[in-house]
Each structure stands twice: as structure tokens, then as C-alpha cells.
Amino acid sequence: IDLPAAEPDRVREQIEDVIGIDASEAIEASAKTGQG
């Protein structure tokens, strides 16, 4: 999520459209910085 190219809202929609699971409460995290 810390990358300048990150688009969390678009990816949330994509998870719901392509996979079909609810992603409204998907956790925003960055494994590199430890956020989330």
C-alpha cells in the first residue's frame, strides 16, 4: 500500500468482480514498512 502506484479501491473492486468475495473490509497493509 506504500507504493506510489497502489490503487486500493480499484483492487478491492477487482477482488469482488473476479473472485467474488467481499473485499469491503480488506486490510490495507505494507509488509515492507510493517503498516497494518
ModelCIF file with pLDDT and N, C-alpha, C, O atoms, coordinates in Angstrom:
data_MODEL
#
_entry.id   MODEL 
#
_entity.id                         1 
_entity.type                       polymer 
_entity.pdbx_number_of_molecules   1 
#
_entity_poly.entity_id                      1 
_entity_poly.type                           'polypeptide(L)' 
_entity_poly.nstd_linkage                   no 
_entity_poly.nstd_monomer                   no 
_entity_poly.pdbx_seq_one_letter_code       IDLPAAEPDRVREQIEDVIGIDASEAIEASAKTGQG 
_entity_poly.pdbx_seq_one_letter_code_can   IDLPAAEPDRVREQIEDVIGIDASEAIEASAKTGQG 
_entity_poly.pdbx_strand_id                 A 
#
loop_
_entity_poly_seq.entity_id 
_entity_poly_seq.num 
_entity_poly_seq.mon_id 
_entity_poly_seq.hetero 
1 1  ILE n 
1 2  ASP n 
1 3  LEU n 
1 4  PRO n 
1 5  ALA n 
1 6  ALA n 
1 7  GLU n 
1 8  PRO n 
1 9  ASP n 
1 10 ARG n 
1 11 VAL n 
1 12 ARG n 
1 13 GLU n 
1 14 GLN n 
1 15 ILE n 
1 16 GLU n 
1 17 ASP n 
1 18 VAL n 
1 19 ILE n 
1 20 GLY n 
1 21 ILE n 
1 22 ASP n 
1 23 ALA n 
1 24 SER n 
1 25 GLU n 
1 26 ALA n 
1 27 ILE n 
1 28 GLU n 
1 29 ALA n 
1 30 SER n 
1 31 ALA n 
1 32 LYS n 
1 33 THR n 
1 34 GLY n 
1 35 GLN n 
1 36 GLY n 
#
_struct_asym.id          A 
_struct_asym.entity_id   1 
#
loop_
_ma_qa_metric.id 
_ma_qa_metric.mode 
_ma_qa_metric.name 
_ma_qa_metric.software_group_id 
_ma_qa_metric.type 
1 global pLDDT . pLDDT 
2 local  pLDDT . pLDDT 
#
_ma_qa_metric_global.metric_id      1 
_ma_qa_metric_global.metric_value   77.97 
_ma_qa_metric_global.model_id       1 
_ma_qa_metric_global.ordinal_id     1 
#
loop_
_ma_qa_metric_local.label_asym_id 
_ma_qa_metric_local.label_comp_id 
_ma_qa_metric_local.label_seq_id 
_ma_qa_metric_local.metric_id 
_ma_qa_metric_local.metric_value 
_ma_qa_metric_local.model_id 
_ma_qa_metric_local.ordinal_id 
A ILE 1  2 78.00 1 1  
A ASP 2  2 79.00 1 2  
A LEU 3  2 78.00 1 3  
A PRO 4  2 81.00 1 4  
A ALA 5  2 78.00 1 5  
A ALA 6  2 79.00 1 6  
A GLU 7  2 80.00 1 7  
A PRO 8  2 78.00 1 8  
A ASP 9  2 82.00 1 9  
A ARG 10 2 81.00 1 10 
A VAL 11 2 80.00 1 11 
A ARG 12 2 81.00 1 12 
A GLU 13 2 80.00 1 13 
A GLN 14 2 78.00 1 14 
A ILE 15 2 78.00 1 15 
A GLU 16 2 78.00 1 16 
A ASP 17 2 76.00 1 17 
A VAL 18 2 75.00 1 18 
A ILE 19 2 75.00 1 19 
A GLY 20 2 75.00 1 20 
A ILE 21 2 77.00 1 21 
A ASP 22 2 76.00 1 22 
A ALA 23 2 74.00 1 23 
A SER 24 2 76.00 1 24 
A GLU 25 2 77.00 1 25 
A ALA 26 2 79.00 1 26 
A ILE 27 2 78.00 1 27 
A GLU 28 2 80.00 1 28 
A ALA 29 2 79.00 1 29 
A SER 30 2 79.00 1 30 
A ALA 31 2 72.00 1 31 
A LYS 32 2 77.00 1 32 
A THR 33 2 79.00 1 33 
A GLY 34 2 75.00 1 34 
A GLN 35 2 80.00 1 35 
A GLY 36 2 79.00 1 36 
#
loop_
_atom_site.group_PDB 
_atom_site.id 
_atom_site.type_symbol 
_atom_site.label_atom_id 
_atom_site.label_alt_id 
_atom_site.label_comp_id 
_atom_site.label_asym_id 
_atom_site.label_entity_id 
_atom_site.label_seq_id 
_atom_site.pdbx_PDB_ins_code 
_atom_site.Cartn_x 
_atom_site.Cartn_y 
_atom_site.Cartn_z 
_atom_site.occupancy 
_atom_site.B_iso_or_equiv 
_atom_site.pdbx_formal_charge 
_atom_site.auth_seq_id 
_atom_site.auth_comp_id 
_atom_site.auth_asym_id 
_atom_site.auth_atom_id 
_atom_site.pdbx_PDB_model_num 
ATOM 1   N N  . ILE A 1 1  ? 0.827   -1.211  0.000   1.00 78.00 ? 1  ILE A N  1 
ATOM 2   C CA . ILE A 1 1  ? 0.000   0.000   0.000   1.00 78.00 ? 1  ILE A CA 1 
ATOM 3   C C  . ILE A 1 1  ? 0.865   1.266   0.000   1.00 78.00 ? 1  ILE A C  1 
ATOM 4   O O  . ILE A 1 1  ? 0.386   2.353   -0.323  1.00 78.00 ? 1  ILE A O  1 
ATOM 5   N N  . ASP A 1 2  ? 2.159   1.111   0.371   1.00 79.00 ? 2  ASP A N  1 
ATOM 6   C CA . ASP A 1 2  ? 3.050   2.276   0.435   1.00 79.00 ? 2  ASP A CA 1 
ATOM 7   C C  . ASP A 1 2  ? 3.589   2.688   -0.939  1.00 79.00 ? 2  ASP A C  1 
ATOM 8   O O  . ASP A 1 2  ? 4.214   3.742   -1.064  1.00 79.00 ? 2  ASP A O  1 
ATOM 9   N N  . LEU A 1 3  ? 3.352   1.862   -1.979  1.00 78.00 ? 3  LEU A N  1 
ATOM 10  C CA . LEU A 1 3  ? 3.881   2.189   -3.308  1.00 78.00 ? 3  LEU A CA 1 
ATOM 11  C C  . LEU A 1 3  ? 3.093   3.334   -3.943  1.00 78.00 ? 3  LEU A C  1 
ATOM 12  O O  . LEU A 1 3  ? 1.881   3.426   -3.749  1.00 78.00 ? 3  LEU A O  1 
ATOM 13  N N  . PRO A 1 4  ? 3.760   4.202   -4.695  1.00 81.00 ? 4  PRO A N  1 
ATOM 14  C CA . PRO A 1 4  ? 3.032   5.305   -5.350  1.00 81.00 ? 4  PRO A CA 1 
ATOM 15  C C  . PRO A 1 4  ? 1.972   4.790   -6.332  1.00 81.00 ? 4  PRO A C  1 
ATOM 16  O O  . PRO A 1 4  ? 0.955   5.448   -6.553  1.00 81.00 ? 4  PRO A O  1 
ATOM 17  N N  . ALA A 1 5  ? 2.217   3.600   -6.923  1.00 78.00 ? 5  ALA A N  1 
ATOM 18  C CA . ALA A 1 5  ? 1.284   3.060   -7.926  1.00 78.00 ? 5  ALA A CA 1 
ATOM 19  C C  . ALA A 1 5  ? 0.106   2.312   -7.308  1.00 78.00 ? 5  ALA A C  1 
ATOM 20  O O  . ALA A 1 5  ? -0.746  1.811   -8.041  1.00 78.00 ? 5  ALA A O  1 
ATOM 21  N N  . ALA A 1 6  ? 0.035   2.221   -5.975  1.00 79.00 ? 6  ALA A N  1 
ATOM 22  C CA . ALA A 1 6  ? -1.027  1.440   -5.314  1.00 79.00 ? 6  ALA A CA 1 
ATOM 23  C C  . ALA A 1 6  ? -2.395  2.067   -5.559  1.00 79.00 ? 6  ALA A C  1 
ATOM 24  O O  . ALA A 1 6  ? -2.575  3.277   -5.419  1.00 79.00 ? 6  ALA A O  1 
ATOM 25  N N  . GLU A 1 7  ? -3.356  1.217   -5.928  1.00 80.00 ? 7  GLU A N  1 
ATOM 26  C CA . GLU A 1 7  ? -4.743  1.675   -6.147  1.00 80.00 ? 7  GLU A CA 1 
ATOM 27  C C  . GLU A 1 7  ? -5.681  0.755   -5.366  1.00 80.00 ? 7  GLU A C  1 
ATOM 28  O O  . GLU A 1 7  ? -6.306  -0.127  -5.954  1.00 80.00 ? 7  GLU A O  1 
ATOM 29  N N  . PRO A 1 8  ? -5.788  0.952   -4.039  1.00 78.00 ? 8  PRO A N  1 
ATOM 30  C CA . PRO A 1 8  ? -6.564  0.022   -3.217  1.00 78.00 ? 8  PRO A CA 1 
ATOM 31  C C  . PRO A 1 8  ? -8.032  -0.103  -3.615  1.00 78.00 ? 8  PRO A C  1 
ATOM 32  O O  . PRO A 1 8  ? -8.591  -1.199  -3.572  1.00 78.00 ? 8  PRO A O  1 
ATOM 33  N N  . ASP A 1 9  ? -8.676  1.027   -4.009  1.00 82.00 ? 9  ASP A N  1 
ATOM 34  C CA . ASP A 1 9  ? -10.107 0.959   -4.342  1.00 82.00 ? 9  ASP A CA 1 
ATOM 35  C C  . ASP A 1 9  ? -10.343 0.148   -5.609  1.00 82.00 ? 9  ASP A C  1 
ATOM 36  O O  . ASP A 1 9  ? -11.291 -0.634  -5.688  1.00 82.00 ? 9  ASP A O  1 
ATOM 37  N N  . ARG A 1 10 ? -9.476  0.340   -6.599  1.00 81.00 ? 10 ARG A N  1 
ATOM 38  C CA . ARG A 1 10 ? -9.615  -0.421  -7.846  1.00 81.00 ? 10 ARG A CA 1 
ATOM 39  C C  . ARG A 1 10 ? -9.412  -1.909  -7.602  1.00 81.00 ? 10 ARG A C  1 
ATOM 40  O O  . ARG A 1 10 ? -10.134 -2.742  -8.149  1.00 81.00 ? 10 ARG A O  1 
ATOM 41  N N  . VAL A 1 11 ? -8.402  -2.243  -6.759  1.00 80.00 ? 11 VAL A N  1 
ATOM 42  C CA . VAL A 1 11 ? -8.100  -3.657  -6.485  1.00 80.00 ? 11 VAL A CA 1 
ATOM 43  C C  . VAL A 1 11 ? -9.221  -4.302  -5.661  1.00 80.00 ? 11 VAL A C  1 
ATOM 44  O O  . VAL A 1 11 ? -9.540  -5.477  -5.846  1.00 80.00 ? 11 VAL A O  1 
ATOM 45  N N  . ARG A 1 12 ? -9.814  -3.519  -4.750  1.00 81.00 ? 12 ARG A N  1 
ATOM 46  C CA . ARG A 1 12 ? -10.972 -4.035  -3.986  1.00 81.00 ? 12 ARG A CA 1 
ATOM 47  C C  . ARG A 1 12 ? -12.096 -4.459  -4.934  1.00 81.00 ? 12 ARG A C  1 
ATOM 48  O O  . ARG A 1 12 ? -12.660 -5.547  -4.817  1.00 81.00 ? 12 ARG A O  1 
ATOM 49  N N  . GLU A 1 13 ? -12.403 -3.562  -5.877  1.00 80.00 ? 13 GLU A N  1 
ATOM 50  C CA . GLU A 1 13 ? -13.454 -3.874  -6.864  1.00 80.00 ? 13 GLU A CA 1 
ATOM 51  C C  . GLU A 1 13 ? -13.095 -5.119  -7.655  1.00 80.00 ? 13 GLU A C  1 
ATOM 52  O O  . GLU A 1 13 ? -13.936 -5.980  -7.915  1.00 80.00 ? 13 GLU A O  1 
ATOM 53  N N  . GLN A 1 14 ? -11.810 -5.193  -8.036  1.00 78.00 ? 14 GLN A N  1 
ATOM 54  C CA . GLN A 1 14 ? -11.343 -6.333  -8.839  1.00 78.00 ? 14 GLN A CA 1 
ATOM 55  C C  . GLN A 1 14 ? -11.510 -7.647  -8.084  1.00 78.00 ? 14 GLN A C  1 
ATOM 56  O O  . GLN A 1 14 ? -11.922 -8.649  -8.669  1.00 78.00 ? 14 GLN A O  1 
ATOM 57  N N  . ILE A 1 15 ? -11.190 -7.650  -6.774  1.00 78.00 ? 15 ILE A N  1 
ATOM 58  C CA . ILE A 1 15 ? -11.338 -8.875  -5.961  1.00 78.00 ? 15 ILE A CA 1 
ATOM 59  C C  . ILE A 1 15 ? -12.809 -9.292  -5.958  1.00 78.00 ? 15 ILE A C  1 
ATOM 60  O O  . ILE A 1 15 ? -13.126 -10.475 -6.086  1.00 78.00 ? 15 ILE A O  1 
ATOM 61  N N  . GLU A 1 16 ? -13.706 -8.311  -5.810  1.00 78.00 ? 16 GLU A N  1 
ATOM 62  C CA . GLU A 1 16 ? -15.145 -8.637  -5.784  1.00 78.00 ? 16 GLU A CA 1 
ATOM 63  C C  . GLU A 1 16 ? -15.636 -9.116  -7.143  1.00 78.00 ? 16 GLU A C  1 
ATOM 64  O O  . GLU A 1 16 ? -16.420 -10.063 -7.217  1.00 78.00 ? 16 GLU A O  1 
ATOM 65  N N  . ASP A 1 17 ? -15.180 -8.466  -8.235  1.00 76.00 ? 17 ASP A N  1 
ATOM 66  C CA . ASP A 1 17 ? -15.647 -8.837  -9.585  1.00 76.00 ? 17 ASP A CA 1 
ATOM 67  C C  . ASP A 1 17 ? -15.085 -10.179 -10.035 1.00 76.00 ? 17 ASP A C  1 
ATOM 68  O O  . ASP A 1 17 ? -15.816 -11.055 -10.498 1.00 76.00 ? 17 ASP A O  1 
ATOM 69  N N  . VAL A 1 18 ? -13.759 -10.322 -9.887  1.00 75.00 ? 18 VAL A N  1 
ATOM 70  C CA . VAL A 1 18 ? -13.098 -11.508 -10.459 1.00 75.00 ? 18 VAL A CA 1 
ATOM 71  C C  . VAL A 1 18 ? -13.233 -12.723 -9.547  1.00 75.00 ? 18 VAL A C  1 
ATOM 72  O O  . VAL A 1 18 ? -13.550 -13.817 -10.014 1.00 75.00 ? 18 VAL A O  1 
ATOM 73  N N  . ILE A 1 19 ? -12.992 -12.536 -8.240  1.00 75.00 ? 19 ILE A N  1 
ATOM 74  C CA . ILE A 1 19 ? -13.017 -13.696 -7.335  1.00 75.00 ? 19 ILE A CA 1 
ATOM 75  C C  . ILE A 1 19 ? -14.413 -13.919 -6.748  1.00 75.00 ? 19 ILE A C  1 
ATOM 76  O O  . ILE A 1 19 ? -14.843 -15.055 -6.550  1.00 75.00 ? 19 ILE A O  1 
ATOM 77  N N  . GLY A 1 20 ? -15.113 -12.812 -6.473  1.00 75.00 ? 20 GLY A N  1 
ATOM 78  C CA . GLY A 1 20 ? -16.474 -12.951 -5.946  1.00 75.00 ? 20 GLY A CA 1 
ATOM 79  C C  . GLY A 1 20 ? -16.539 -13.041 -4.439  1.00 75.00 ? 20 GLY A C  1 
ATOM 80  O O  . GLY A 1 20 ? -17.497 -13.602 -3.906  1.00 75.00 ? 20 GLY A O  1 
ATOM 81  N N  . ILE A 1 21 ? -15.534 -12.497 -3.714  1.00 77.00 ? 21 ILE A N  1 
ATOM 82  C CA . ILE A 1 21 ? -15.622 -12.457 -2.248  1.00 77.00 ? 21 ILE A CA 1 
ATOM 83  C C  . ILE A 1 21 ? -15.666 -10.998 -1.804  1.00 77.00 ? 21 ILE A C  1 
ATOM 84  O O  . ILE A 1 21 ? -15.132 -10.118 -2.479  1.00 77.00 ? 21 ILE A O  1 
ATOM 85  N N  . ASP A 1 22 ? -16.302 -10.753 -0.672  1.00 76.00 ? 22 ASP A N  1 
ATOM 86  C CA . ASP A 1 22 ? -16.460 -9.383  -0.176  1.00 76.00 ? 22 ASP A CA 1 
ATOM 87  C C  . ASP A 1 22 ? -15.098 -8.817  0.231   1.00 76.00 ? 22 ASP A C  1 
ATOM 88  O O  . ASP A 1 22 ? -14.399 -9.390  1.066   1.00 76.00 ? 22 ASP A O  1 
ATOM 89  N N  . ALA A 1 23 ? -14.737 -7.683  -0.374  1.00 74.00 ? 23 ALA A N  1 
ATOM 90  C CA . ALA A 1 23 ? -13.433 -7.084  -0.068  1.00 74.00 ? 23 ALA A CA 1 
ATOM 91  C C  . ALA A 1 23 ? -13.584 -5.692  0.542   1.00 74.00 ? 23 ALA A C  1 
ATOM 92  O O  . ALA A 1 23 ? -12.621 -4.929  0.610   1.00 74.00 ? 23 ALA A O  1 
ATOM 93  N N  . SER A 1 24 ? -14.813 -5.363  0.990   1.00 76.00 ? 24 SER A N  1 
ATOM 94  C CA . SER A 1 24 ? -15.041 -4.016  1.530   1.00 76.00 ? 24 SER A CA 1 
ATOM 95  C C  . SER A 1 24 ? -14.210 -3.775  2.786   1.00 76.00 ? 24 SER A C  1 
ATOM 96  O O  . SER A 1 24 ? -13.822 -2.644  3.078   1.00 76.00 ? 24 SER A O  1 
ATOM 97  N N  . GLU A 1 25 ? -13.940 -4.861  3.530   1.00 77.00 ? 25 GLU A N  1 
ATOM 98  C CA . GLU A 1 25 ? -13.147 -4.703  4.751   1.00 77.00 ? 25 GLU A CA 1 
ATOM 99  C C  . GLU A 1 25 ? -11.729 -5.243  4.597   1.00 77.00 ? 25 GLU A C  1 
ATOM 100 O O  . GLU A 1 25 ? -11.074 -5.580  5.584   1.00 77.00 ? 25 GLU A O  1 
ATOM 101 N N  . ALA A 1 26 ? -11.262 -5.321  3.362   1.00 79.00 ? 26 ALA A N  1 
ATOM 102 C CA . ALA A 1 26 ? -9.890  -5.816  3.114   1.00 79.00 ? 26 ALA A CA 1 
ATOM 103 C C  . ALA A 1 26 ? -8.885  -4.908  3.823   1.00 79.00 ? 26 ALA A C  1 
ATOM 104 O O  . ALA A 1 26 ? -8.998  -3.683  3.772   1.00 79.00 ? 26 ALA A O  1 
ATOM 105 N N  . ILE A 1 27 ? -7.912  -5.515  4.477   1.00 78.00 ? 27 ILE A N  1 
ATOM 106 C CA . ILE A 1 27 ? -6.932  -4.753  5.269   1.00 78.00 ? 27 ILE A CA 1 
ATOM 107 C C  . ILE A 1 27 ? -5.888  -4.148  4.340   1.00 78.00 ? 27 ILE A C  1 
ATOM 108 O O  . ILE A 1 27 ? -5.338  -4.827  3.473   1.00 78.00 ? 27 ILE A O  1 
ATOM 109 N N  . GLU A 1 28 ? -5.626  -2.863  4.535   1.00 80.00 ? 28 GLU A N  1 
ATOM 110 C CA . GLU A 1 28 ? -4.560  -2.217  3.763   1.00 80.00 ? 28 GLU A CA 1 
ATOM 111 C C  . GLU A 1 28 ? -3.273  -2.336  4.578   1.00 80.00 ? 28 GLU A C  1 
ATOM 112 O O  . GLU A 1 28 ? -3.198  -1.876  5.717   1.00 80.00 ? 28 GLU A O  1 
ATOM 113 N N  . ALA A 1 29 ? -2.259  -2.963  3.969   1.00 79.00 ? 29 ALA A N  1 
ATOM 114 C CA . ALA A 1 29 ? -1.020  -3.219  4.722   1.00 79.00 ? 29 ALA A CA 1 
ATOM 115 C C  . ALA A 1 29 ? 0.196   -3.018  3.834   1.00 79.00 ? 29 ALA A C  1 
ATOM 116 O O  . ALA A 1 29 ? 0.095   -2.970  2.608   1.00 79.00 ? 29 ALA A O  1 
ATOM 117 N N  . SER A 1 30 ? 1.338   -2.904  4.476   1.00 79.00 ? 30 SER A N  1 
ATOM 118 C CA . SER A 1 30 ? 2.598   -2.887  3.750   1.00 79.00 ? 30 SER A CA 1 
ATOM 119 C C  . SER A 1 30 ? 3.566   -3.783  4.517   1.00 79.00 ? 30 SER A C  1 
ATOM 120 O O  . SER A 1 30 ? 4.027   -3.436  5.605   1.00 79.00 ? 30 SER A O  1 
ATOM 121 N N  . ALA A 1 31 ? 3.865   -4.940  3.930   1.00 72.00 ? 31 ALA A N  1 
ATOM 122 C CA . ALA A 1 31 ? 4.766   -5.884  4.604   1.00 72.00 ? 31 ALA A CA 1 
ATOM 123 C C  . ALA A 1 31 ? 6.168   -5.311  4.718   1.00 72.00 ? 31 ALA A C  1 
ATOM 124 O O  . ALA A 1 31 ? 6.933   -5.702  5.599   1.00 72.00 ? 31 ALA A O  1 
ATOM 125 N N  . LYS A 1 32 ? 6.507   -4.384  3.827   1.00 77.00 ? 32 LYS A N  1 
ATOM 126 C CA . LYS A 1 32 ? 7.859   -3.815  3.832   1.00 77.00 ? 32 LYS A CA 1 
ATOM 127 C C  . LYS A 1 32 ? 8.039   -2.870  5.028   1.00 77.00 ? 32 LYS A C  1 
ATOM 128 O O  . LYS A 1 32 ? 9.043   -2.930  5.737   1.00 77.00 ? 32 LYS A O  1 
ATOM 129 N N  . THR A 1 33 ? 7.029   -1.982  5.238   1.00 79.00 ? 33 THR A N  1 
ATOM 130 C CA . THR A 1 33 ? 7.167   -0.989  6.309   1.00 79.00 ? 33 THR A CA 1 
ATOM 131 C C  . THR A 1 33 ? 6.557   -1.448  7.631   1.00 79.00 ? 33 THR A C  1 
ATOM 132 O O  . THR A 1 33 ? 6.819   -0.857  8.678   1.00 79.00 ? 33 THR A O  1 
ATOM 133 N N  . GLY A 1 34 ? 5.731   -2.520  7.580   1.00 75.00 ? 34 GLY A N  1 
ATOM 134 C CA . GLY A 1 34 ? 5.106   -3.006  8.822   1.00 75.00 ? 34 GLY A CA 1 
ATOM 135 C C  . GLY A 1 34 ? 3.741   -2.382  9.077   1.00 75.00 ? 34 GLY A C  1 
ATOM 136 O O  . GLY A 1 34 ? 3.135   -2.631  10.119  1.00 75.00 ? 34 GLY A O  1 
ATOM 137 N N  . GLN A 1 35 ? 3.252   -1.578  8.144   1.00 80.00 ? 35 GLN A N  1 
ATOM 138 C CA . GLN A 1 35 ? 1.937   -0.941  8.304   1.00 80.00 ? 35 GLN A CA 1 
ATOM 139 C C  . GLN A 1 35 ? 0.821   -1.987  8.206   1.00 80.00 ? 35 GLN A C  1 
ATOM 140 O O  . GLN A 1 35 ? 0.824   -2.829  7.308   1.00 80.00 ? 35 GLN A O  1 
ATOM 141 N N  . GLY A 1 36 ? -0.139  -1.921  9.150   1.00 79.00 ? 36 GLY A N  1 
ATOM 142 C CA . GLY A 1 36 ? -1.317  -2.790  9.099   1.00 79.00 ? 36 GLY A CA 1 
ATOM 143 C C  . GLY A 1 36 ? -1.104  -4.209  9.591   1.00 79.00 ? 36 GLY A C  1 
ATOM 144 O O  . GLY A 1 36 ? -2.037  -5.011  9.585   1.00 79.00 ? 36 GLY A O  1 
#
